């Protein structure tokens, strides 16, 4: 492994290692976000379908607490 260009006495660049770790964490977070976003969209579609069905049969939609 080449010496660190930022600190010639170091065998490896701690800052470059930290950057790579941050990149991996960012990629994992983005992947998780996209999975959760897809699930939320799927659940919202299901809610809309259920609400439409309730309205067709004049069944009141219960209020929910925040």
PDB file of N, CA and C in Angstrom:
ATOM      1  N   UNK A   1       0.852  -1.176   0.000  1.00  0.00           N
ATOM      2  CA  UNK A   1       0.000   0.000   0.000  1.00  0.00           C
ATOM      3  C   UNK A   1       0.893   1.233   0.000  1.00  0.00           C
ATOM      4  N   UNK A   2       0.549   2.209  -0.793  1.00  0.00           N
ATOM      5  CA  UNK A   2       1.336   3.450  -0.865  1.00  0.00           C
ATOM      6  C   UNK A   2       1.167   4.246   0.416  1.00  0.00           C
ATOM      7  N   UNK A   3       2.204   5.006   0.699  1.00  0.00           N
ATOM      8  CA  UNK A   3       2.131   5.866   1.881  1.00  0.00           C
ATOM      9  C   UNK A   3       1.085   6.944   1.656  1.00  0.00           C
ATOM     10  N   UNK A   4       0.602   7.462   2.745  1.00  0.00           N
ATOM     11  CA  UNK A   4      -0.430   8.495   2.697  1.00  0.00           C
ATOM     12  C   UNK A   4       0.161   9.801   2.159  1.00  0.00           C
ATOM     13  N   UNK A   5      -0.443  10.367   1.107  1.00  0.00           N
ATOM     14  CA  UNK A   5       0.084  11.621   0.564  1.00  0.00           C
ATOM     15  C   UNK A   5      -0.114  12.796   1.510  1.00  0.00           C
ATOM     16  N   UNK A   6      -1.004  12.648   2.477  1.00  0.00           N
ATOM     17  CA  UNK A   6      -1.279  13.736   3.416  1.00  0.00           C
ATOM     18  C   UNK A   6      -0.381  13.670   4.647  1.00  0.00           C
ATOM     19  N   UNK A   7       0.157  12.481   4.915  1.00  0.00           N
ATOM     20  CA  UNK A   7       1.023  12.283   6.088  1.00  0.00           C
ATOM     21  C   UNK A   7       2.026  11.201   5.707  1.00  0.00           C
ATOM     22  N   UNK A   8       3.208  11.603   5.253  1.00  0.00           N
ATOM     23  CA  UNK A   8       4.188  10.661   4.706  1.00  0.00           C
ATOM     24  C   UNK A   8       4.704   9.658   5.723  1.00  0.00           C
ATOM     25  N   UNK A   9       4.517   9.905   7.004  1.00  0.00           N
ATOM     26  CA  UNK A   9       4.989   8.956   8.010  1.00  0.00           C
ATOM     27  C   UNK A   9       3.956   7.864   8.291  1.00  0.00           C
ATOM     28  N   UNK A  10       2.796   7.985   7.720  1.00  0.00           N
ATOM     29  CA  UNK A  10       1.731   7.014   7.964  1.00  0.00           C
ATOM     30  C   UNK A  10       1.709   5.961   6.856  1.00  0.00           C
ATOM     31  N   UNK A  11       1.481   4.714   7.244  1.00  0.00           N
ATOM     32  CA  UNK A  11       1.408   3.626   6.282  1.00  0.00           C
ATOM     33  C   UNK A  11       0.096   3.643   5.503  1.00  0.00           C
ATOM     34  N   UNK A  12      -0.953   4.151   6.103  1.00  0.00           N
ATOM     35  CA  UNK A  12      -2.241   4.244   5.417  1.00  0.00           C
ATOM     36  C   UNK A  12      -2.870   5.593   5.745  1.00  0.00           C
ATOM     37  N   UNK A  13      -3.773   6.003   4.921  1.00  0.00           N
ATOM     38  CA  UNK A  13      -4.429   7.299   5.104  1.00  0.00           C
ATOM     39  C   UNK A  13      -5.715   7.104   5.904  1.00  0.00           C
ATOM     40  N   UNK A  14      -5.689   7.526   7.130  1.00  0.00           N
ATOM     41  CA  UNK A  14      -6.875   7.402   7.973  1.00  0.00           C
ATOM     42  C   UNK A  14      -8.046   8.175   7.361  1.00  0.00           C
ATOM     43  N   UNK A  15      -7.759   9.329   6.789  1.00  0.00           N
ATOM     44  CA  UNK A  15      -8.833  10.138   6.199  1.00  0.00           C
ATOM     45  C   UNK A  15      -9.457   9.421   5.005  1.00  0.00           C
ATOM     46  N   UNK A  16      -8.653   8.709   4.214  1.00  0.00           N
ATOM     47  CA  UNK A  16      -9.199   7.961   3.080  1.00  0.00           C
ATOM     48  C   UNK A  16     -10.013   6.762   3.553  1.00  0.00           C
ATOM     49  N   UNK A  17      -9.573   6.133   4.621  1.00  0.00           N
ATOM     50  CA  UNK A  17     -10.330   5.019   5.187  1.00  0.00           C
ATOM     51  C   UNK A  17     -11.677   5.536   5.695  1.00  0.00           C
ATOM     52  N   UNK A  18     -11.656   6.654   6.399  1.00  0.00           N
ATOM     53  CA  UNK A  18     -12.895   7.239   6.905  1.00  0.00           C
ATOM     54  C   UNK A  18     -13.833   7.622   5.761  1.00  0.00           C
ATOM     55  N   UNK A  19     -13.270   8.129   4.675  1.00  0.00           N
ATOM     56  CA  UNK A  19     -14.075   8.482   3.512  1.00  0.00           C
ATOM     57  C   UNK A  19     -14.746   7.249   2.922  1.00  0.00           C
ATOM     58  N   UNK A  20     -14.014   6.163   2.797  1.00  0.00           N
ATOM     59  CA  UNK A  20     -14.591   4.930   2.256  1.00  0.00           C
ATOM     60  C   UNK A  20     -15.687   4.387   3.168  1.00  0.00           C
ATOM     61  N   UNK A  21     -15.450   4.449   4.472  1.00  0.00           N
ATOM     62  CA  UNK A  21     -16.473   3.997   5.426  1.00  0.00           C
ATOM     63  C   UNK A  21     -17.726   4.860   5.291  1.00  0.00           C
ATOM     64  N   UNK A  22     -17.549   6.166   5.154  1.00  0.00           N
ATOM     65  CA  UNK A  22     -18.681   7.080   4.990  1.00  0.00           C
ATOM     66  C   UNK A  22     -19.439   6.783   3.700  1.00  0.00           C
ATOM     67  N   UNK A  23     -18.718   6.460   2.629  1.00  0.00           N
ATOM     68  CA  UNK A  23     -19.366   6.139   1.354  1.00  0.00           C
ATOM     69  C   UNK A  23     -20.225   4.879   1.487  1.00  0.00           C
ATOM     70  N   UNK A  24     -19.685   3.869   2.163  1.00  0.00           N
ATOM     71  CA  UNK A  24     -20.439   2.631   2.357  1.00  0.00           C
ATOM     72  C   UNK A  24     -21.692   2.907   3.190  1.00  0.00           C
ATOM     73  N   UNK A  25     -21.539   3.685   4.253  1.00  0.00           N
ATOM     74  CA  UNK A  25     -22.686   4.018   5.101  1.00  0.00           C
ATOM     75  C   UNK A  25     -23.731   4.803   4.317  1.00  0.00           C
ATOM     76  N   UNK A  26     -23.292   5.726   3.483  1.00  0.00           N
ATOM     77  CA  UNK A  26     -24.220   6.512   2.668  1.00  0.00           C
ATOM     78  C   UNK A  26     -24.978   5.616   1.687  1.00  0.00           C
ATOM     79  N   UNK A  27     -24.276   4.696   1.045  1.00  0.00           N
ATOM     80  CA  UNK A  27     -24.924   3.779   0.102  1.00  0.00           C
ATOM     81  C   UNK A  27     -25.948   2.892   0.806  1.00  0.00           C
ATOM     82  N   UNK A  28     -25.600   2.396   1.987  1.00  0.00           N
ATOM     83  CA  UNK A  28     -26.531   1.560   2.738  1.00  0.00           C
ATOM     84  C   UNK A  28     -27.755   2.364   3.167  1.00  0.00           C
ATOM     85  N   UNK A  29     -27.543   3.607   3.595  1.00  0.00           N
ATOM     86  CA  UNK A  29     -28.656   4.461   3.999  1.00  0.00           C
ATOM     87  C   UNK A  29     -29.569   4.760   2.814  1.00  0.00           C
ATOM     88  N   UNK A  30     -28.987   5.031   1.649  1.00  0.00           N
ATOM     89  CA  UNK A  30     -29.784   5.312   0.459  1.00  0.00           C
ATOM     90  C   UNK A  30     -30.604   4.091   0.060  1.00  0.00           C
ATOM     91  N   UNK A  31     -30.001   2.925   0.126  1.00  0.00           N
ATOM     92  CA  UNK A  31     -30.708   1.692  -0.208  1.00  0.00           C
ATOM     93  C   UNK A  31     -31.875   1.465   0.750  1.00  0.00           C
ATOM     94  N   UNK A  32     -31.626   1.651   2.026  1.00  0.00           N
ATOM     95  CA  UNK A  32     -32.680   1.489   3.029  1.00  0.00           C
ATOM     96  C   UNK A  32     -33.800   2.497   2.794  1.00  0.00           C
ATOM     97  N   UNK A  33     -33.439   3.744   2.499  1.00  0.00           N
ATOM     98  CA  UNK A  33     -34.437   4.778   2.228  1.00  0.00           C
ATOM     99  C   UNK A  33     -35.327   4.375   1.055  1.00  0.00           C
ATOM    100  N   UNK A  34     -34.729   3.906  -0.033  1.00  0.00           N
ATOM    101  CA  UNK A  34     -35.511   3.552  -1.210  1.00  0.00           C
ATOM    102  C   UNK A  34     -36.438   2.362  -0.935  1.00  0.00           C
ATOM    103  N   UNK A  35     -35.965   1.416  -0.142  1.00  0.00           N
ATOM    104  CA  UNK A  35     -36.809   0.274   0.228  1.00  0.00           C
ATOM    105  C   UNK A  35     -37.995   0.744   1.073  1.00  0.00           C
ATOM    106  N   UNK A  36     -37.727   1.616   2.038  1.00  0.00           N
ATOM    107  CA  UNK A  36     -38.790   2.114   2.909  1.00  0.00           C
ATOM    108  C   UNK A  36     -39.764   2.994   2.123  1.00  0.00           C
ATOM    109  N   UNK A  37     -39.253   3.807   1.204  1.00  0.00           N
ATOM    110  CA  UNK A  37     -40.105   4.664   0.387  1.00  0.00           C
ATOM    111  C   UNK A  37     -41.049   3.820  -0.463  1.00  0.00           C
ATOM    112  N   UNK A  38     -40.544   2.753  -1.045  1.00  0.00           N
ATOM    113  CA  UNK A  38     -41.378   1.863  -1.855  1.00  0.00           C
ATOM    114  C   UNK A  38     -42.465   1.214  -0.992  1.00  0.00           C
ATOM    115  N   UNK A  39     -42.110   0.806   0.218  1.00  0.00           N
ATOM    116  CA  UNK A  39     -43.087   0.189   1.121  1.00  0.00           C
ATOM    117  C   UNK A  39     -44.156   1.196   1.532  1.00  0.00           C
ATOM    118  N   UNK A  40     -43.764   2.417   1.825  1.00  0.00           N
ATOM    119  CA  UNK A  40     -44.729   3.456   2.197  1.00  0.00           C
ATOM    120  C   UNK A  40     -45.689   3.721   1.041  1.00  0.00           C
ATOM    121  N   UNK A  41     -45.155   3.819  -0.172  1.00  0.00           N
ATOM    122  CA  UNK A  41     -46.019   4.049  -1.338  1.00  0.00           C
ATOM    123  C   UNK A  41     -47.008   2.901  -1.533  1.00  0.00           C
ATOM    124  N   UNK A  42     -46.538   1.669  -1.339  1.00  0.00           N
ATOM    125  CA  UNK A  42     -47.415   0.508  -1.465  1.00  0.00           C
ATOM    126  C   UNK A  42     -48.523   0.554  -0.413  1.00  0.00           C
ATOM    127  N   UNK A  43     -48.154   0.902   0.816  1.00  0.00           N
ATOM    128  CA  UNK A  43     -49.150   0.969   1.886  1.00  0.00           C
ATOM    129  C   UNK A  43     -50.151   2.099   1.665  1.00  0.00           C
ATOM    130  N   UNK A  44     -49.687   3.232   1.145  1.00  0.00           N
ATOM    131  CA  UNK A  44     -50.600   4.336   0.844  1.00  0.00           C
ATOM    132  C   UNK A  44     -51.602   3.948  -0.238  1.00  0.00           C
ATOM    133  N   UNK A  45     -51.146   3.212  -1.250  1.00  0.00           N
ATOM    134  CA  UNK A  45     -52.075   2.739  -2.291  1.00  0.00           C
ATOM    135  C   UNK A  45     -53.132   1.827  -1.692  1.00  0.00           C
ATOM    136  N   UNK A  46     -52.701   0.978  -0.777  1.00  0.00           N
ATOM    137  CA  UNK A  46     -53.640   0.059  -0.131  1.00  0.00           C
ATOM    138  C   UNK A  46     -54.652   0.824   0.718  1.00  0.00           C
ATOM    139  N   UNK A  47     -54.195   1.831   1.438  1.00  0.00           N
ATOM    140  CA  UNK A  47     -55.093   2.660   2.250  1.00  0.00           C
ATOM    141  C   UNK A  47     -56.124   3.348   1.362  1.00  0.00           C
ATOM    142  N   UNK A  48     -55.659   3.902   0.243  1.00  0.00           N
ATOM    143  CA  UNK A  48     -56.577   4.576  -0.677  1.00  0.00           C
ATOM    144  C   UNK A  48     -57.628   3.605  -1.210  1.00  0.00           C
ATOM    145  N   UNK A  49     -57.210   2.404  -1.544  1.00  0.00           N
ATOM    146  CA  UNK A  49     -58.145   1.383  -2.026  1.00  0.00           C
ATOM    147  C   UNK A  49     -59.166   1.030  -0.941  1.00  0.00           C
ATOM    148  N   UNK A  50     -58.696   0.854   0.270  1.00  0.00           N
ATOM    149  CA  UNK A  50     -59.606   0.507   1.368  1.00  0.00           C
ATOM    150  C   UNK A  50     -60.579   1.646   1.656  1.00  0.00           C
ATOM    151  N   UNK A  51     -60.093   2.885   1.624  1.00  0.00           N
ATOM    152  CA  UNK A  51     -60.977   4.034   1.863  1.00  0.00           C
ATOM    153  C   UNK A  51     -62.034   4.135   0.763  1.00  0.00           C
ATOM    154  N   UNK A  52     -61.614   3.905  -0.476  1.00  0.00           N
ATOM    155  CA  UNK A  52     -62.560   3.962  -1.596  1.00  0.00           C
ATOM    156  C   UNK A  52     -63.638   2.892  -1.428  1.00  0.00           C
ATOM    157  N   UNK A  53     -63.238   1.718  -0.988  1.00  0.00           N
ATOM    158  CA  UNK A  53     -64.186   0.628  -0.774  1.00  0.00           C
ATOM    159  C   UNK A  53     -65.157   0.976   0.348  1.00  0.00           C
ATOM    160  N   UNK A  54     -64.654   1.530   1.430  1.00  0.00           N
ATOM    161  CA  UNK A  54     -65.535   1.945   2.529  1.00  0.00           C
ATOM    162  C   UNK A  54     -66.541   2.992   2.056  1.00  0.00           C
ATOM    163  N   UNK A  55     -66.071   3.949   1.263  1.00  0.00           N
ATOM    164  CA  UNK A  55     -66.956   4.999   0.767  1.00  0.00           C
ATOM    165  C   UNK A  55     -68.023   4.439  -0.163  1.00  0.00           C
ATOM    166  N   UNK A  56     -67.679   3.446  -0.969  1.00  0.00           N
ATOM    167  CA  UNK A  56     -68.656   2.827  -1.874  1.00  0.00           C
ATOM    168  C   UNK A  56     -69.836   2.240  -1.109  1.00  0.00           C
ATOM    169  N   UNK A  57     -69.554   1.717   0.064  1.00  0.00           N
ATOM    170  CA  UNK A  57     -70.589   1.081   0.873  1.00  0.00           C
ATOM    171  C   UNK A  57     -71.083   1.988   1.992  1.00  0.00           C
ATOM    172  N   UNK A  58     -70.780   3.280   1.877  1.00  0.00           N
ATOM    173  CA  UNK A  58     -71.218   4.285   2.856  1.00  0.00           C
ATOM    174  C   UNK A  58     -70.839   3.919   4.289  1.00  0.00           C
ATOM    175  N   UNK A  59     -69.678   3.339   4.424  1.00  0.00           N
ATOM    176  CA  UNK A  59     -69.154   3.010   5.755  1.00  0.00           C
ATOM    177  C   UNK A  59     -68.238   4.159   6.162  1.00  0.00           C
ATOM    178  N   UNK A  60     -68.500   4.753   7.329  1.00  0.00           N
ATOM    179  CA  UNK A  60     -67.665   5.886   7.734  1.00  0.00           C
ATOM    180  C   UNK A  60     -66.210   5.460   7.980  1.00  0.00           C
ATOM    181  N   UNK A  61     -65.326   6.329   7.609  1.00  0.00           N
ATOM    182  CA  UNK A  61     -63.904   6.078   7.822  1.00  0.00           C
ATOM    183  C   UNK A  61     -63.544   6.589   9.212  1.00  0.00           C
ATOM    184  N   UNK A  62     -63.065   5.719  10.068  1.00  0.00           N
ATOM    185  CA  UNK A  62     -62.756   6.150  11.439  1.00  0.00           C
ATOM    186  C   UNK A  62     -61.604   7.154  11.457  1.00  0.00           C
ATOM    187  N   UNK A  63     -61.699   8.083  12.374  1.00  0.00           N
ATOM    188  CA  UNK A  63     -60.612   9.037  12.571  1.00  0.00           C
ATOM    189  C   UNK A  63     -59.486   8.357  13.340  1.00  0.00           C
ATOM    190  N   UNK A  64     -58.283   8.805  13.096  1.00  0.00           N
ATOM    191  CA  UNK A  64     -57.131   8.254  13.814  1.00  0.00           C
ATOM    192  C   UNK A  64     -56.470   9.373  14.612  1.00  0.00           C
ATOM    193  N   UNK A  65     -55.876   8.990  15.716  1.00  0.00           N
ATOM    194  CA  UNK A  65     -55.152   9.956  16.529  1.00  0.00           C
ATOM    195  C   UNK A  65     -53.729  10.077  16.022  1.00  0.00           C
ATOM    196  N   UNK A  66     -53.164  11.257  16.111  1.00  0.00           N
ATOM    197  CA  UNK A  66     -51.770  11.467  15.699  1.00  0.00           C
ATOM    198  C   UNK A  66     -50.808  10.951  16.720  1.00  0.00           C
TER     199      UNK A  66
END
